[in-house]
Amino acid sequence: MKRETMPGYYTAQEALHTLQITEGVLYSLVRQGVLKRHTPPGKKYGVYRQEEVDLLAQERTAFMLAGLEVSHQLTFAQATPYDMEGVYLVARQLFGEHTTSADQRAAAVAKEPRGNYVVKDHGRVVAWMHVQPLRTDRLAAFMRGEIRGWQITGDDIEPFAPGRPIECLLKSMGAYHPVRAVRAMYTQRLFSGAARAMAELGERGIQIAKIYATSETETGIATALHAKMQPLGRIPGTKDKRRYAFCLDVATSDLPLLQPYKAAFSEWLVNHRATQQKHAVARSLAPQRASFASGDTLPDGFVSAMAFAGEHGIHEGTARKAIASGRLPAIQGKWKLGRAYVVNALDASGRARFYELYSENEHFTPCPECPHT
């Protein structure tokens, strides 16, 4: 008969499974005072506090991995297209021949390297992770099971950019070594490195709203559930396999991997709002810009606001709205420029303000004189 588990406690069998030890070793730990055995009222069998067992398991794993690292030289890095041949070899060990090719992976990584990470052992790729921002339509198609990972190309990638919520696909990840403890070490290094790398995205104002994933392997499905990803149901997959879709809401997730990112993005958001408020106050206190009379040519130091916007990849309509709202201080007048007339011009301070407003826009194209300070 299966023994009833008390909330917050493990039965002896559960403790043995968590610690990966024998019954004799468990009793030895109790005698040595390392673990305390509790007997529920009216019961004859003992139970063990979950937090004590879990902590001991973590310490035991850390001790084992510390010993393993003596003979391993692990490095974590943002992936490059040149790493994809190594990633493909590891993926093929895990998933077989039907996995995304090295060339396809390289094209996606070239489009946006951030979010792609590798762990190397003595310079050889042993683990990888692809967290990729996809176009909305391609992400939706993938999550409906209409396309597979090997059908995603570099054209489907939208680079990370601040100022808008981004939904990403955890396209794939994995680690391989025939020894389970070494494989666990590789995975641990991958997760710890990815946590720090994603925090750098948060520091740059990259807002990752949701992370999607699919899996048809027992390990992948178990990992998604352990991370408390929301199951979205079964979707089409490989014949004779069950493929499931998952979604993680970053804002509400308590996944340890994401906590450094969330803290970094929250700090950026506070600082960004403070900066915006400071500029708003400065603009409200600034004297009104004087209009200039019409003339044959633009005065020295002035440039056409619309031409300046176009040169920097910003649509004229966007610049006009900013001028109308007062966010972009333009000098108004009427000057002939070629066959056209300029009615909104920017001086040095106006060009500096333009850079401040749009330099982080995904369409912004810098010129040799940027940042126009």
Protein backbone atom coordinates (compact mmCIF):
# COMPACT_ATOMS: atom_id res chain seq x y z
CA MET A 1 0.00 0.00 0.00
CA LYS A 2 1.30 3.43 -0.91
CA ARG A 3 1.96 5.55 2.15
CA GLU A 4 0.16 8.87 2.39
CA THR A 5 2.45 11.87 1.95
CA MET A 6 2.15 14.77 4.38
CA PRO A 7 2.32 18.24 2.82
CA GLY A 8 5.90 19.51 3.03
CA TYR A 9 7.37 16.06 3.72
CA TYR A 10 8.85 13.16 1.75
CA THR A 11 8.26 9.51 2.52
CA ALA A 12 11.40 7.36 2.83
CA GLN A 13 11.01 6.16 -0.77
CA GLU A 14 10.62 9.72 -2.07
CA ALA A 15 13.70 10.82 -0.11
CA LEU A 16 15.70 7.91 -1.52
CA HIS A 17 14.66 8.86 -5.05
CA THR A 18 15.46 12.56 -4.55
CA LEU A 19 18.89 11.90 -3.03
CA GLN A 20 19.70 8.96 -5.33
CA ILE A 21 20.99 6.91 -2.37
CA THR A 22 20.31 3.51 -0.80
CA GLU A 23 18.14 2.83 2.25
CA GLY A 24 21.25 2.05 4.33
CA VAL A 25 22.80 5.43 3.49
CA LEU A 26 19.54 7.18 4.40
CA TYR A 27 19.47 5.57 7.85
CA SER A 28 23.14 6.48 8.29
CA LEU A 29 22.33 10.14 7.55
CA VAL A 30 19.59 10.02 10.21
CA ARG A 31 21.94 8.49 12.81
CA GLN A 32 24.56 11.15 12.05
CA GLY A 33 22.02 13.92 12.50
CA VAL A 34 22.32 15.12 8.89
CA LEU A 35 18.61 14.41 8.33
CA LYS A 36 15.85 14.34 10.91
CA ARG A 37 13.21 11.62 10.78
CA HIS A 38 9.68 12.65 11.80
CA THR A 39 6.93 10.21 12.74
CA PRO A 40 3.36 11.41 11.99
CA PRO A 41 0.82 11.00 14.83
CA GLY A 42 -0.68 7.52 14.79
CA LYS A 43 1.80 6.27 12.19
CA LYS A 44 4.75 3.91 12.47
CA TYR A 45 6.69 5.05 9.41
CA GLY A 46 8.93 8.13 9.27
CA VAL A 47 8.88 11.11 6.92
CA TYR A 48 11.45 13.78 6.09
CA ARG A 49 11.09 17.53 5.57
CA GLN A 50 11.17 18.33 1.86
CA GLU A 51 13.29 21.47 2.20
CA GLU A 52 15.95 19.56 4.19
CA VAL A 53 16.07 16.73 1.66
CA ASP A 54 16.10 19.10 -1.34
CA LEU A 55 18.91 21.18 0.18
CA LEU A 56 20.96 18.06 0.85
CA ALA A 57 20.37 16.92 -2.74
CA GLN A 58 21.60 20.27 -4.08
CA GLU A 59 24.69 20.17 -1.89
CA ARG A 60 25.43 16.60 -2.95
CA THR A 61 25.04 17.50 -6.64
CA ALA A 62 27.26 20.57 -6.26
CA PHE A 63 29.93 18.46 -4.56
CA MET A 64 29.83 15.87 -7.34
CA LEU A 65 29.96 18.53 -10.07
CA ALA A 66 32.86 20.31 -8.39
CA GLY A 67 34.82 17.08 -8.57
CA LEU A 68 33.88 16.55 -12.19
CA GLU A 69 34.95 20.04 -13.26
CA VAL A 70 38.54 19.26 -12.35
CA SER A 71 38.79 17.19 -15.54
CA HIS A 72 36.54 19.44 -17.65
CA GLN A 73 37.14 22.95 -18.95
CA LEU A 74 33.72 24.49 -19.46
CA THR A 75 33.03 27.83 -21.10
CA PHE A 76 29.70 29.54 -21.71
CA ALA A 77 29.24 32.02 -24.56
CA GLN A 78 26.74 33.66 -26.86
CA ALA A 79 26.65 31.46 -29.93
CA THR A 80 28.05 32.44 -33.31
CA PRO A 81 27.18 30.99 -36.73
CA TYR A 82 30.48 29.11 -36.60
CA ASP A 83 29.29 27.19 -33.50
CA MET A 84 26.31 25.71 -35.31
CA GLU A 85 28.15 22.72 -36.74
CA GLY A 86 28.95 21.68 -33.18
CA VAL A 87 25.38 22.37 -32.06
CA TYR A 88 24.06 20.23 -34.90
CA LEU A 89 26.28 17.30 -33.87
CA VAL A 90 24.96 17.44 -30.30
CA ALA A 91 21.34 17.81 -31.48
CA ARG A 92 21.76 14.84 -33.78
CA GLN A 93 22.91 12.73 -30.83
CA LEU A 94 19.71 13.67 -28.99
CA PHE A 95 17.09 13.90 -31.73
CA GLY A 96 18.46 11.87 -34.63
CA GLU A 97 18.92 12.90 -38.25
CA HIS A 98 15.65 14.88 -38.45
CA THR A 99 16.89 18.01 -36.70
CA THR A 100 17.60 21.52 -37.95
CA SER A 101 20.75 21.61 -40.06
CA ALA A 102 23.88 23.54 -39.13
CA ASP A 103 23.37 25.94 -42.07
CA GLN A 104 19.78 26.73 -41.06
CA ARG A 105 20.83 27.34 -37.47
CA ALA A 106 23.70 29.55 -38.62
CA ALA A 107 21.38 31.75 -40.72
CA ALA A 108 19.07 32.34 -37.76
CA VAL A 109 21.96 33.08 -35.40
CA ALA A 110 23.49 35.49 -37.90
CA LYS A 111 20.20 37.43 -38.01
CA GLU A 112 20.07 37.75 -34.19
CA PRO A 113 22.90 36.18 -32.14
CA ARG A 114 21.39 37.18 -28.78
CA GLY A 115 19.28 34.43 -27.24
CA ASN A 116 21.51 31.72 -28.71
CA TYR A 117 23.98 30.20 -26.26
CA VAL A 118 26.49 27.36 -26.14
CA VAL A 119 28.58 25.55 -23.55
CA LYS A 120 31.90 24.13 -24.66
CA ASP A 121 34.12 21.55 -22.98
CA HIS A 122 37.75 21.90 -24.01
CA GLY A 123 36.53 24.02 -26.94
CA ARG A 124 33.95 21.49 -28.18
CA VAL A 125 30.22 22.32 -28.14
CA VAL A 126 28.44 20.10 -25.59
CA ALA A 127 25.21 22.05 -24.89
CA TRP A 128 23.13 24.74 -26.55
CA MET A 129 19.99 26.86 -26.25
CA HIS A 130 18.01 28.77 -28.90
CA VAL A 131 15.63 31.47 -27.57
CA GLN A 132 14.56 33.28 -30.71
CA PRO A 133 12.22 36.23 -31.38
CA LEU A 134 10.10 35.17 -34.34
CA ARG A 135 7.74 37.08 -36.59
CA THR A 136 4.25 36.89 -35.13
CA ASP A 137 2.79 34.91 -38.03
CA ARG A 138 5.61 32.34 -38.06
CA LEU A 139 5.48 31.89 -34.29
CA ALA A 140 1.73 31.28 -34.50
CA ALA A 141 2.20 28.76 -37.32
CA PHE A 142 4.86 26.92 -35.33
CA MET A 143 2.69 26.75 -32.23
CA ARG A 144 -0.21 25.37 -34.29
CA GLY A 145 2.07 22.62 -35.58
CA GLU A 146 1.87 23.88 -39.17
CA ILE A 147 5.67 24.18 -39.45
CA ARG A 148 8.59 22.53 -37.68
CA GLY A 149 11.88 23.88 -36.43
CA TRP A 150 13.82 22.98 -39.58
CA GLN A 151 11.42 25.18 -41.59
CA ILE A 152 12.33 28.33 -39.64
CA THR A 153 14.80 30.53 -41.54
CA GLY A 154 16.73 33.69 -40.84
CA ASP A 155 13.94 35.68 -42.51
CA ASP A 156 11.59 34.55 -39.72
CA ILE A 157 13.74 36.16 -37.01
CA GLU A 158 12.92 39.66 -35.71
CA PRO A 159 15.90 41.16 -33.85
CA PHE A 160 15.49 42.07 -30.19
CA ALA A 161 14.63 45.77 -29.81
CA PRO A 162 13.57 47.88 -26.82
CA GLY A 163 10.26 49.67 -26.60
CA ARG A 164 7.88 46.81 -27.42
CA PRO A 165 6.85 43.47 -25.85
CA ILE A 166 8.53 40.52 -27.57
CA GLU A 167 7.32 36.92 -27.73
CA CYS A 168 10.06 34.33 -28.15
CA LEU A 169 10.29 30.69 -29.08
CA LEU A 170 12.45 28.37 -27.03
CA LYS A 171 13.20 26.56 -30.26
CA SER A 172 15.46 23.92 -28.81
CA MET A 173 18.05 23.19 -26.17
CA GLY A 174 20.00 20.20 -25.00
CA ALA A 175 23.23 18.74 -23.66
CA TYR A 176 24.89 15.44 -24.39
CA HIS A 177 27.39 13.19 -22.66
CA PRO A 178 27.12 9.45 -22.09
CA VAL A 179 27.72 9.98 -18.35
CA ARG A 180 24.59 11.35 -16.69
CA ALA A 181 26.44 13.40 -14.06
CA VAL A 182 28.55 15.13 -16.72
CA ARG A 183 25.44 15.86 -18.77
CA ALA A 184 23.87 17.42 -15.66
CA MET A 185 26.99 19.56 -15.22
CA TYR A 186 26.73 20.78 -18.82
CA THR A 187 23.05 21.64 -18.33
CA GLN A 188 23.71 23.49 -15.10
CA ARG A 189 26.40 25.62 -16.77
CA LEU A 190 24.04 26.33 -19.68
CA PHE A 191 21.25 27.52 -17.37
CA SER A 192 23.48 29.65 -15.15
CA GLY A 193 25.11 31.28 -18.16
CA ALA A 194 21.79 31.88 -19.91
CA ALA A 195 20.42 33.55 -16.77
CA ARG A 196 23.28 36.08 -16.81
CA ALA A 197 23.07 36.61 -20.58
CA MET A 198 19.33 37.24 -20.50
CA ALA A 199 19.84 39.73 -17.67
CA GLU A 200 21.94 41.73 -20.13
CA LEU A 201 18.90 41.90 -22.42
CA GLY A 202 16.90 43.30 -19.52
CA GLU A 203 19.58 45.93 -18.90
CA ARG A 204 19.08 47.10 -22.49
CA GLY A 205 15.32 47.47 -22.13
CA ILE A 206 14.41 44.32 -24.07
CA GLN A 207 10.94 43.31 -22.86
CA ILE A 208 10.38 39.56 -23.22
CA ALA A 209 6.68 39.06 -22.57
CA LYS A 210 6.19 35.36 -23.29
CA ILE A 211 8.29 32.32 -24.14
CA TYR A 212 6.73 29.50 -26.15
CA ALA A 213 7.94 25.93 -26.58
CA THR A 214 6.86 22.57 -27.96
CA SER A 215 8.09 19.06 -27.26
CA GLU A 216 7.33 15.47 -28.12
CA THR A 217 9.95 13.88 -25.84
CA GLU A 218 9.33 12.80 -22.26
CA THR A 219 12.29 14.86 -21.04
CA GLY A 220 11.17 18.00 -22.88
CA ILE A 221 7.58 17.73 -21.68
CA ALA A 222 8.70 17.10 -18.11
CA THR A 223 11.05 20.09 -18.26
CA ALA A 224 8.25 22.38 -19.50
CA LEU A 225 5.91 21.24 -16.74
CA HIS A 226 8.63 21.58 -14.11
CA ALA A 227 9.17 25.18 -15.28
CA LYS A 228 5.42 25.72 -14.75
CA MET A 229 4.81 26.53 -18.39
CA GLN A 230 1.13 26.63 -19.28
CA PRO A 231 0.09 23.62 -21.39
CA LEU A 232 -1.64 24.74 -24.59
CA GLY A 233 -2.67 21.28 -25.75
CA ARG A 234 -1.55 18.71 -28.27
CA ILE A 235 -0.46 19.79 -31.76
CA PRO A 236 0.59 17.89 -34.92
CA GLY A 237 4.05 16.35 -34.70
CA THR A 238 6.11 13.36 -35.72
CA LYS A 239 4.13 10.24 -36.60
CA ASP A 240 3.45 7.97 -33.61
CA LYS A 241 4.58 10.69 -31.17
CA ARG A 242 2.62 13.08 -28.99
CA ARG A 243 3.71 16.71 -29.41
CA TYR A 244 2.55 19.34 -26.93
CA ALA A 245 2.71 23.15 -26.87
CA PHE A 246 3.52 25.31 -23.85
CA CYS A 247 3.64 29.00 -22.93
CA LEU A 248 5.43 30.87 -20.14
CA ASP A 249 4.29 34.32 -19.01
CA VAL A 250 7.58 35.95 -18.01
CA ALA A 251 6.01 38.63 -15.79
CA THR A 252 4.30 36.09 -13.50
CA SER A 253 6.86 33.27 -13.71
CA ASP A 254 8.94 32.36 -10.65
CA LEU A 255 11.42 30.32 -12.71
CA PRO A 256 14.89 30.96 -11.20
CA LEU A 257 16.44 31.21 -14.68
CA LEU A 258 14.38 34.35 -15.39
CA GLN A 259 14.79 36.21 -12.09
CA PRO A 260 18.03 38.03 -13.03
CA TYR A 261 16.42 39.15 -16.30
CA LYS A 262 13.27 40.38 -14.54
CA ALA A 263 15.27 42.33 -11.97
CA ALA A 264 17.43 43.93 -14.68
CA PHE A 265 14.44 44.90 -16.83
CA SER A 266 12.57 46.34 -13.84
CA GLU A 267 15.58 48.52 -13.00
CA TRP A 268 15.85 49.68 -16.63
CA LEU A 269 12.14 50.51 -16.68
CA VAL A 270 12.40 52.64 -13.53
CA ASN A 271 15.42 54.52 -14.90
CA HIS A 272 13.83 54.93 -18.34
CA ARG A 273 10.64 56.40 -16.90
CA ALA A 274 12.64 58.76 -14.71
CA THR A 275 14.60 59.95 -17.75
CA GLN A 276 11.41 60.47 -19.76
CA GLN A 277 9.88 62.46 -16.90
CA LYS A 278 13.02 64.59 -16.62
CA HIS A 279 12.90 65.44 -20.32
CA ALA A 280 9.19 66.21 -20.14
CA VAL A 281 9.79 68.71 -17.33
CA ALA A 282 12.69 70.27 -19.25
CA ARG A 283 10.53 70.69 -22.34
CA SER A 284 7.73 72.29 -20.35
CA LEU A 285 10.14 74.85 -18.90
CA ALA A 286 11.93 75.60 -22.16
CA PRO A 287 11.03 78.86 -23.93
CA GLN A 288 9.06 78.66 -27.15
CA ARG A 289 11.21 78.36 -30.25
CA ALA A 290 11.01 81.36 -32.54
CA SER A 291 9.80 81.01 -36.10
CA PHE A 292 12.08 82.26 -38.85
CA ALA A 293 10.99 84.22 -41.86
CA SER A 294 10.99 82.71 -45.30
CA GLY A 295 14.20 82.76 -47.27
CA ASP A 296 15.87 81.42 -50.34
CA THR A 297 18.04 78.91 -48.46
CA LEU A 298 18.22 77.26 -45.08
CA PRO A 299 20.29 79.18 -42.51
CA ASP A 300 23.68 77.73 -41.64
CA GLY A 301 23.42 74.84 -39.16
CA PHE A 302 19.84 74.00 -40.12
CA VAL A 303 18.69 70.79 -41.86
CA SER A 304 15.33 69.71 -43.17
CA ALA A 305 13.56 67.75 -40.41
CA MET A 306 11.91 65.40 -42.93
CA ALA A 307 15.14 64.74 -44.83
CA PHE A 308 16.99 64.17 -41.56
CA ALA A 309 14.34 61.65 -40.46
CA GLY A 310 14.53 59.80 -43.77
CA GLU A 311 18.32 59.59 -43.63
CA HIS A 312 18.00 57.88 -40.24
CA GLY A 313 15.34 55.35 -41.27
CA ILE A 314 12.44 57.09 -39.47
CA HIS A 315 9.20 57.67 -41.40
CA GLU A 316 8.28 61.28 -42.12
CA GLY A 317 4.87 60.77 -40.55
CA THR A 318 6.51 59.75 -37.30
CA ALA A 319 8.68 62.88 -37.31
CA ARG A 320 5.68 65.14 -38.08
CA LYS A 321 3.73 63.70 -35.13
CA ALA A 322 6.69 64.27 -32.81
CA ILE A 323 6.98 67.89 -34.00
CA ALA A 324 3.24 68.50 -33.61
CA SER A 325 3.25 67.10 -30.06
CA GLY A 326 6.29 69.16 -29.04
CA ARG A 327 8.47 66.14 -28.38
CA LEU A 328 10.76 67.07 -31.27
CA PRO A 329 11.63 70.80 -31.23
CA ALA A 330 11.65 72.03 -34.83
CA ILE A 331 12.13 75.56 -36.12
CA GLN A 332 9.33 76.55 -38.42
CA GLY A 333 9.59 78.73 -41.49
CA LYS A 334 9.67 78.39 -45.25
CA TRP A 335 12.91 77.89 -47.12
CA LYS A 336 13.49 76.73 -50.67
CA LEU A 337 15.53 73.56 -51.06
CA GLY A 338 15.87 72.48 -54.66
CA ARG A 339 12.37 72.39 -56.12
CA ALA A 340 10.70 71.90 -52.73
CA TYR A 341 10.18 73.99 -49.63
CA VAL A 342 11.28 73.18 -46.08
CA VAL A 343 8.79 74.20 -43.38
CA ASN A 344 10.34 72.34 -40.40
CA ALA A 345 14.07 72.54 -39.73
CA LEU A 346 16.33 71.13 -37.03
CA ASP A 347 19.26 72.92 -35.50
CA ALA A 348 22.01 71.18 -33.45
CA SER A 349 19.85 70.78 -30.35
CA GLY A 350 16.93 69.49 -32.45
CA ARG A 351 19.16 66.87 -34.06
CA ALA A 352 20.43 65.77 -30.66
CA ARG A 353 16.85 65.43 -29.43
CA PHE A 354 15.95 63.41 -32.54
CA TYR A 355 18.76 60.95 -31.77
CA GLU A 356 17.59 60.69 -28.17
CA LEU A 357 14.04 59.90 -29.28
CA TYR A 358 14.74 57.36 -32.01
CA SER A 359 18.19 55.81 -31.55
CA GLU A 360 16.66 52.70 -29.99
CA ASN A 361 13.95 52.37 -32.64
CA GLU A 362 14.25 49.12 -34.58
CA HIS A 363 14.27 51.04 -37.89
CA PHE A 364 16.87 53.64 -36.83
CA THR A 365 19.92 53.91 -39.11
CA PRO A 366 22.85 55.87 -37.62
CA CYS A 367 24.85 58.31 -39.70
CA PRO A 368 28.57 59.16 -39.34
CA GLU A 369 27.72 62.21 -37.20
CA CYS A 370 25.57 60.33 -34.66
CA PRO A 371 24.85 60.84 -31.78
CA HIS A 372 24.72 64.58 -32.66
CA THR A 373 25.72 65.72 -29.19
